[in-house]
Protein backbone atom coordinates (compact mmCIF):
# COMPACT_ATOMS: atom_id res chain seq x y z
CA UNK A 1 15.51 81.92 178.15
CA UNK A 2 17.83 83.58 175.96
CA UNK A 3 15.99 85.60 173.17
CA UNK A 4 17.73 87.04 170.16
CA UNK A 5 17.09 88.41 166.77
CA UNK A 6 18.91 86.89 163.69
CA UNK A 7 19.37 87.63 160.05
CA UNK A 8 20.37 90.38 157.72
CA UNK A 9 20.17 94.03 159.07
CA UNK A 10 16.68 95.26 158.96
CA UNK A 11 15.06 91.79 158.20
CA UNK A 12 15.91 90.15 161.49
CA UNK A 13 13.63 87.30 162.76
CA UNK A 14 12.94 86.48 166.50
CA UNK A 15 14.85 83.50 167.80
CA UNK A 16 15.68 81.64 170.82
CA UNK A 17 18.90 80.15 172.03
CA UNK A 18 18.26 76.53 173.29
CA UNK A 19 20.33 74.63 175.95
CA UNK A 20 22.71 73.24 173.41
CA UNK A 21 23.62 76.67 172.16
CA UNK A 22 21.68 76.29 168.83
CA UNK A 23 19.26 78.90 167.53
CA UNK A 24 15.55 78.14 167.15
CA UNK A 25 13.28 80.09 164.99
CA UNK A 26 10.88 81.92 167.29
CA UNK A 27 8.74 83.55 164.55
CA UNK A 28 5.81 81.15 164.96
CA UNK A 29 5.27 82.08 168.68
CA UNK A 30 6.15 86.06 168.65
CA UNK A 31 6.35 88.84 165.77
CA UNK A 32 9.75 89.91 167.17
CA UNK A 33 11.65 90.37 170.38
CA UNK A 34 10.35 93.65 171.38
CA UNK A 35 8.49 95.46 174.31
CA UNK A 36 5.34 93.39 173.47
CA UNK A 37 7.25 90.08 173.77
CA UNK A 38 9.25 91.01 176.92
CA UNK A 39 6.03 91.81 178.95
CA UNK A 40 5.58 89.55 181.83
CA UNK A 41 2.40 87.66 180.60
CA UNK A 42 4.13 87.26 177.17
CA UNK A 43 7.36 85.79 178.80
CA UNK A 44 5.28 83.43 181.11
CA UNK A 45 3.53 82.25 177.93
CA UNK A 46 6.87 81.63 176.01
CA UNK A 47 8.29 79.74 179.00
CA UNK A 48 5.78 77.13 178.73
CA UNK A 49 6.81 76.36 174.94
CA UNK A 50 9.12 73.31 174.41
CA UNK A 51 12.02 74.69 172.56
CA UNK A 52 12.46 71.38 170.88
CA UNK A 53 9.40 71.90 169.02
CA UNK A 54 10.68 75.01 167.28
CA UNK A 55 12.54 74.74 163.95
CA UNK A 56 16.36 74.84 164.25
CA UNK A 57 18.02 77.65 162.24
CA UNK A 58 20.86 76.15 160.01
CA UNK A 59 24.25 77.73 159.91
CA UNK A 60 25.61 80.75 161.84
CA UNK A 61 23.44 83.81 160.79
CA UNK A 62 24.24 87.24 161.72
CA UNK A 63 22.97 88.28 164.98
CA UNK A 64 21.05 91.55 165.14
CA UNK A 65 20.27 93.94 168.12
CA UNK A 66 18.66 91.65 170.72
CA UNK A 67 15.59 94.03 171.14
CA UNK A 68 13.67 95.60 168.41
CA UNK A 69 12.02 99.05 168.42
CA UNK A 70 13.72 100.18 171.60
CA UNK A 71 12.05 103.38 172.55
CA UNK A 72 14.99 104.74 174.48
CA UNK A 73 18.47 104.08 175.65
CA UNK A 74 19.09 105.67 179.11
CA UNK A 75 22.77 105.16 180.04
CA UNK A 76 24.12 105.57 183.41
CA UNK A 77 27.51 107.44 183.72
CA UNK A 78 30.34 107.09 186.39
CA UNK A 79 28.81 104.21 188.23
CA UNK A 80 31.74 102.15 188.94
CA UNK A 81 34.02 103.30 191.83
CA UNK A 82 37.32 102.37 190.18
CA UNK A 83 36.23 104.04 186.83
CA UNK A 84 35.20 107.29 188.65
CA UNK A 85 38.68 107.21 190.08
CA UNK A 86 40.57 106.55 186.75
CA UNK A 87 38.77 109.64 185.10
CA UNK A 88 39.48 111.88 188.25
CA UNK A 89 35.68 112.35 188.96
CA UNK A 90 34.05 112.57 192.25
CA UNK A 91 31.80 109.65 193.23
CA UNK A 92 28.45 110.89 192.22
CA UNK A 93 25.85 111.55 194.96
CA UNK A 94 22.85 110.45 192.59
CA UNK A 95 22.94 108.57 189.46
CA UNK A 96 24.13 110.38 186.43
CA UNK A 97 22.27 109.56 183.33
CA UNK A 98 22.33 110.64 179.67
CA UNK A 99 20.52 109.73 176.43
CA UNK A 100 22.21 107.60 173.78
CA UNK A 101 20.59 107.80 170.32
CA UNK A 102 18.51 104.71 169.38
CA UNK A 103 19.92 105.17 165.77
CA UNK A 104 23.34 103.98 167.36
CA UNK A 105 21.95 100.47 167.97
CA UNK A 106 23.45 97.84 166.05
CA UNK A 107 24.18 94.12 166.22
CA UNK A 108 26.62 92.55 168.82
CA UNK A 109 29.14 91.52 166.06
CA UNK A 110 28.46 94.29 163.65
CA UNK A 111 31.44 96.55 162.66
CA UNK A 112 31.73 99.67 164.77
CA UNK A 113 32.33 102.79 162.61
CA UNK A 114 34.96 105.54 163.98
CA UNK A 115 33.02 108.70 163.20
CA UNK A 116 34.27 111.22 160.68
CA UNK A 117 36.98 113.45 162.31
CA UNK A 118 37.22 111.18 165.55
CA UNK A 119 40.59 110.71 167.11
CA UNK A 120 39.24 109.55 170.57
CA UNK A 121 37.07 106.52 170.00
CA UNK A 122 36.59 104.36 173.31
CA UNK A 123 35.37 101.15 174.51
CA UNK A 124 32.78 100.46 177.46
CA UNK A 125 31.48 97.14 178.37
CA UNK A 126 28.36 97.50 180.29
CA UNK A 127 25.54 95.30 181.86
CA UNK A 128 22.32 96.45 180.03
CA UNK A 129 18.82 96.29 181.84
CA UNK A 130 16.02 95.50 179.54
CA UNK A 131 12.62 96.98 180.77
CA UNK A 132 9.72 94.45 180.66
CA UNK A 133 6.62 96.60 182.05
CA UNK A 134 5.88 100.22 182.23
CA UNK A 135 7.72 101.99 185.14
CA UNK A 136 6.75 105.22 186.49
CA UNK A 137 7.60 106.53 189.97
CA UNK A 138 8.40 103.02 191.26
CA UNK A 139 10.00 102.20 194.50
CA UNK A 140 13.26 100.38 194.74
CA UNK A 141 11.83 97.24 196.06
CA UNK A 142 9.35 96.96 193.14
CA UNK A 143 11.98 97.29 190.46
CA UNK A 144 12.54 93.67 189.79
CA UNK A 145 8.98 93.15 188.67
CA UNK A 146 9.66 95.75 185.86
CA UNK A 147 12.78 94.13 184.55
CA UNK A 148 12.44 91.56 181.70
CA UNK A 149 16.11 90.70 181.49
CA UNK A 150 19.63 91.72 180.66
CA UNK A 151 21.99 91.97 177.86
CA UNK A 152 25.46 93.14 177.07
CA UNK A 153 25.93 96.81 175.67
CA UNK A 154 29.12 98.35 174.52
CA UNK A 155 28.74 102.06 175.25
CA UNK A 156 31.12 103.01 172.54
CA UNK A 157 32.25 106.67 173.13
CA UNK A 158 34.03 109.53 171.29
CA UNK A 159 35.67 111.41 174.22
CA UNK A 160 36.55 114.58 172.52
CA UNK A 161 32.86 114.93 171.19
CA UNK A 162 31.80 113.96 174.78
CA UNK A 163 33.97 115.99 176.88
CA UNK A 164 35.73 118.71 174.82
CA UNK A 165 33.02 119.88 172.60
CA UNK A 166 30.69 121.45 175.22
CA UNK A 167 27.10 120.66 176.31
CA UNK A 168 25.98 117.14 177.13
CA UNK A 169 27.54 113.80 176.83
CA UNK A 170 25.08 112.67 174.31
CA UNK A 171 27.03 113.91 171.21
CA UNK A 172 29.97 111.68 172.05
CA UNK A 173 27.73 108.61 172.64
CA UNK A 174 25.31 108.53 169.57
CA UNK A 175 27.11 107.99 166.49
CA UNK A 176 26.03 105.13 164.12
CA UNK A 177 27.11 101.69 165.61
CA UNK A 178 28.02 102.97 169.00
CA UNK A 179 25.50 100.83 170.84
CA UNK A 180 25.92 97.15 170.05
CA UNK A 181 23.43 95.15 172.13
CA UNK A 182 23.19 91.50 172.63
CA UNK A 183 23.83 88.77 171.58
CA UNK A 184 20.74 87.92 173.44
CA UNK A 185 18.45 89.09 176.23
CA UNK A 186 18.70 86.64 179.05
CA UNK A 187 15.66 86.63 181.15
CA UNK A 188 15.79 87.81 184.60
CA UNK A 189 15.05 84.48 186.17
CA UNK A 190 18.19 83.27 184.71
CA UNK A 191 20.24 86.09 186.39
CA UNK A 192 19.62 85.74 190.05
CA UNK A 193 22.26 88.40 191.25
CA UNK A 194 22.82 90.95 188.57
CA UNK A 195 24.79 93.05 191.23
CA UNK A 196 27.61 90.36 191.17
CA UNK A 197 28.55 89.49 187.61
CA UNK A 198 31.85 89.42 186.17
CA UNK A 199 32.45 91.59 182.87
CA UNK A 200 35.46 92.28 180.69
CA UNK A 201 36.75 93.59 177.34
CA UNK A 202 39.72 92.67 175.26
CA UNK A 203 41.17 94.99 172.65
CA UNK A 204 43.35 93.12 170.22
CA UNK A 205 43.47 90.19 172.34
CA UNK A 206 44.68 92.02 175.50
CA UNK A 207 42.42 92.43 178.34
CA UNK A 208 41.94 95.95 179.40
CA UNK A 209 38.51 95.88 181.55
CA UNK A 210 38.34 93.27 184.23
CA UNK A 211 35.86 93.79 186.78
CA UNK A 212 32.38 92.90 188.42
CA UNK A 213 29.04 94.70 188.91
CA UNK A 214 29.53 94.40 192.70
CA UNK A 215 31.66 97.59 192.07
CA UNK A 216 28.72 99.54 190.92
CA UNK A 217 27.94 102.65 193.00
CA UNK A 218 24.18 102.42 192.41
CA UNK A 219 22.68 98.93 192.02
CA UNK A 220 20.26 97.62 189.49
CA UNK A 221 17.05 98.10 191.15
CA UNK A 222 18.08 101.65 192.52
CA UNK A 223 18.92 102.57 188.93
CA UNK A 224 15.29 101.44 187.58
CA UNK A 225 13.51 103.24 190.39
CA UNK A 226 15.74 106.34 190.07
CA UNK A 227 15.27 106.75 186.19
CA UNK A 228 11.48 106.15 186.64
CA UNK A 229 11.12 109.17 188.69
CA UNK A 230 12.51 111.36 185.99
CA UNK A 231 10.76 109.62 182.77
CA UNK A 232 8.51 106.69 182.11
CA UNK A 233 10.21 103.54 181.14
CA UNK A 234 8.61 101.44 178.53
CA UNK A 235 8.73 97.77 177.76
CA UNK A 236 11.83 97.18 175.51
CA UNK A 237 13.76 100.10 176.75
CA UNK A 238 17.36 99.64 177.69
CA UNK A 239 19.46 100.97 180.41
CA UNK A 240 23.26 100.41 180.27
CA UNK A 241 24.25 100.60 183.79
CA UNK A 242 27.98 102.04 183.47
CA UNK A 243 31.34 100.84 182.65
CA UNK A 244 34.24 99.62 185.08
CA UNK A 245 37.74 101.01 184.87
CA UNK A 246 40.08 100.17 181.96
CA UNK A 247 38.73 102.34 179.21
CA UNK A 248 41.14 103.79 176.62
CA UNK A 249 40.88 107.47 178.18
CA UNK A 250 42.04 105.97 181.54
CA UNK A 251 45.57 104.73 180.18
CA UNK A 252 48.55 107.10 180.32
CA UNK A 253 48.93 107.86 177.55
CA UNK A 254 45.22 107.05 176.37
CA UNK A 255 44.87 104.15 173.92
CA UNK A 256 42.12 105.15 171.59
CA UNK A 257 40.67 102.86 169.02
CA UNK A 258 41.92 102.69 165.39
CA UNK A 259 40.53 101.13 162.14
CA UNK A 260 41.39 97.38 162.19
CA UNK A 261 41.32 97.11 165.95
CA UNK A 262 39.07 94.47 167.38
CA UNK A 263 36.99 94.67 170.51
CA UNK A 264 35.83 91.49 172.45
CA UNK A 265 33.59 91.81 175.56
CA UNK A 266 31.47 89.84 177.76
CA UNK A 267 29.30 89.96 180.99
CA UNK A 268 28.99 86.79 182.93
CA UNK A 269 26.05 84.50 181.61
CA UNK A 270 25.21 87.05 178.81
CA UNK A 271 27.54 85.80 176.26
CA UNK A 272 30.11 87.75 174.21
CA UNK A 273 30.35 90.43 171.67
CA UNK A 274 33.11 90.96 168.99
CA UNK A 275 33.40 94.09 166.94
CA UNK A 276 35.96 95.10 164.38
CA UNK A 277 36.68 98.97 164.15
CA UNK A 278 36.45 100.39 160.49
CA UNK A 279 36.94 103.99 159.26
CA UNK A 280 33.83 106.01 158.31
CA UNK A 281 33.30 106.33 154.63
CA UNK A 282 30.66 108.92 153.66
């Protein structure tokens, strides 16, 4: 299944993308696309529904964040070999992770706001893991049963705030609109090999990232298990798994984003996002 949320910001309704690419209203079956809906028993029940019995949604409504009420975003850093190389960093011995504020979450095609005072806003296409059942101290081989599905995440980053301002990376990762997620959650049964998915980013029509999750240093199951040993993962939590090479800071000279630029990004089988960059207006 491809589960989504549509409608104006703050008023999204649950939806399902059918085989013809049309949005079906799911509000008769679930309250929202959230941790409760993404639990294994709930997904099993929903799979038995005939999408053709659900009302068609007319037009092309705005798509909201594909998961509601995310309790946390736990992002993995420096998790592609080529990306670690372009940043001059050593290959991590264990997964690096950081928190990304949930207030950064926005829809997959919403405008991305360049923060006040920013000169180094950057793009990062990532495969996002969506948790479906509570995970606490789990083994690697048990990780799949805790994964509801996958989605695209753009881990938008401000490199000066992240790297040059001291402290942790979180301050460069958490501005409003810095976490577009969606367009939909693709349930895990439709993603047989998440460790082998093409992913790419285009900026103003030029492809800048072009890679595959096979370049991940730490694979999907390892990540879920590892994070669960440091914090409890709850249904609806999202784990962006790292970005491949080709980010703005990796170019010589760097090619940071400016108002009016457009990002387009995709992960194989998970759809596409498109965002326009706009200046902050307080």
